[in-house]
């Protein structure tokens, strides 16, 4: 008879311990250990087969149509051109951000495919209500399975293999052989492993919806992100209608692409021209506002940077940012004080990226600095000018990548002038309709912008 054993597993990182401890020695998390029961049976016998051999790379056949387009251009861009057969895609995001809605819309666009929607959070009636709200087309190829038992799910898939599998969500699935509850590290790991094996053996694409922790990370052990082929994150502020689908890992495409959506009553709608949307409500003639050209993946986006500088009422001035790294903001403020002689030690500084988008590339430094100086001096930035450039610690404006795409986007939206690093001018032919000015230092750029 197999002997029943127990072990304690950290729910944050998956570290195993023979006994309970208050603090995890691996991730330093407190009260994260949960007991899981295991059985130690007879030693497994390994078998070998003389038919198993390594296959030369030249003998591996790849079909030309190994990708399936979802007809949602923003999603296809993020995936690298479409859904790859046999791939496992993990999508995470805050509650109510639109993960399940996106999956339903994928199914609606792939009406010719047999899609199995496995739901562990909603009943079949609730899924039907959402489908009616989204005006889901009526067809018999969309199958709903409200089940969390992996043994039953595997039996259904073996009996009638679908074309695409959607799991909502991976944290609700459980394997009866494991004593731990659904959502624990062991259960999530086994669930992800089962769907990964099904995807690879049967060449069925699998979408896994994942919960996130309070820190915004996908819940469960980190090994899940290593097991899947693609990891996507749904981002967006609760009070904004725009959603950004950002890819964190992609074995079949770029990891720098984003998809922009707008949440409406009838579901998510693609934003074909994000620059025009983000700049649609900007105010003209007001201080503390500038337009910068950012690159998200291969797509140029023009965004508005807003800054507010006011005298502080506290002993320590406030430094707050939305959509911009706070450490980067503090670095820029130090450069402005040292190189331009601006005294911001008694000023509160607030910086915001309009539209709820987050920007982390250094090419927007010049626009952020211009917005801060504009608010500090109460002088508006030229509304027909776009700025691009990274600011170094010495006050120099450093070169940036993809400068030609940024200039083309500014030209397309009707801007008359763009300020770029001087060393970037020689990289392309100057287009008609816009004046390109190269600068070497931040003080030269500020004179042109204000």
Foldseek 3Di string as FASTA:
>chain_A
DWDKAKWWAFQFAGDIGRDDDQADPPPRDGPRIDMWIDTDDDDDDDDDDPPDDDDDPVPDDDDPPQFDALPAVLVCVQQARHFGFLFEEEEEEAPPLAPVLVVLSSCLSPVVWQEEEEAQPDDPVVVVVLCVQLVRDDDDSYHYHHDQEPVVVVVVCVVPPTQEYEYHALQRHAYVNIPDHRNGQVGSVVSLVVVSVVSNVVRHYYYHYFYADPVQHGGYHPVSVVSGAWYWYWDFDPPFQKIKIATCGHPNHDRQGIFIWGQDSSGTDGDPAQQCVQCVPDDPFWALKAWAWDDRPNAIHIWIKGKAKDFDPDPFAAQEEQQEDSVVVVLLVVLCCVPVVDDRRRIHMYMYIGRRHHDYDQQCSLVNNLSHVRNVVRGHWPHLEYETFGADSNQWTDADPPVVNRLVSSQVVQRAEYEGAPVCPVVDDDDPRHHYHHDTGSVVVNVNTD
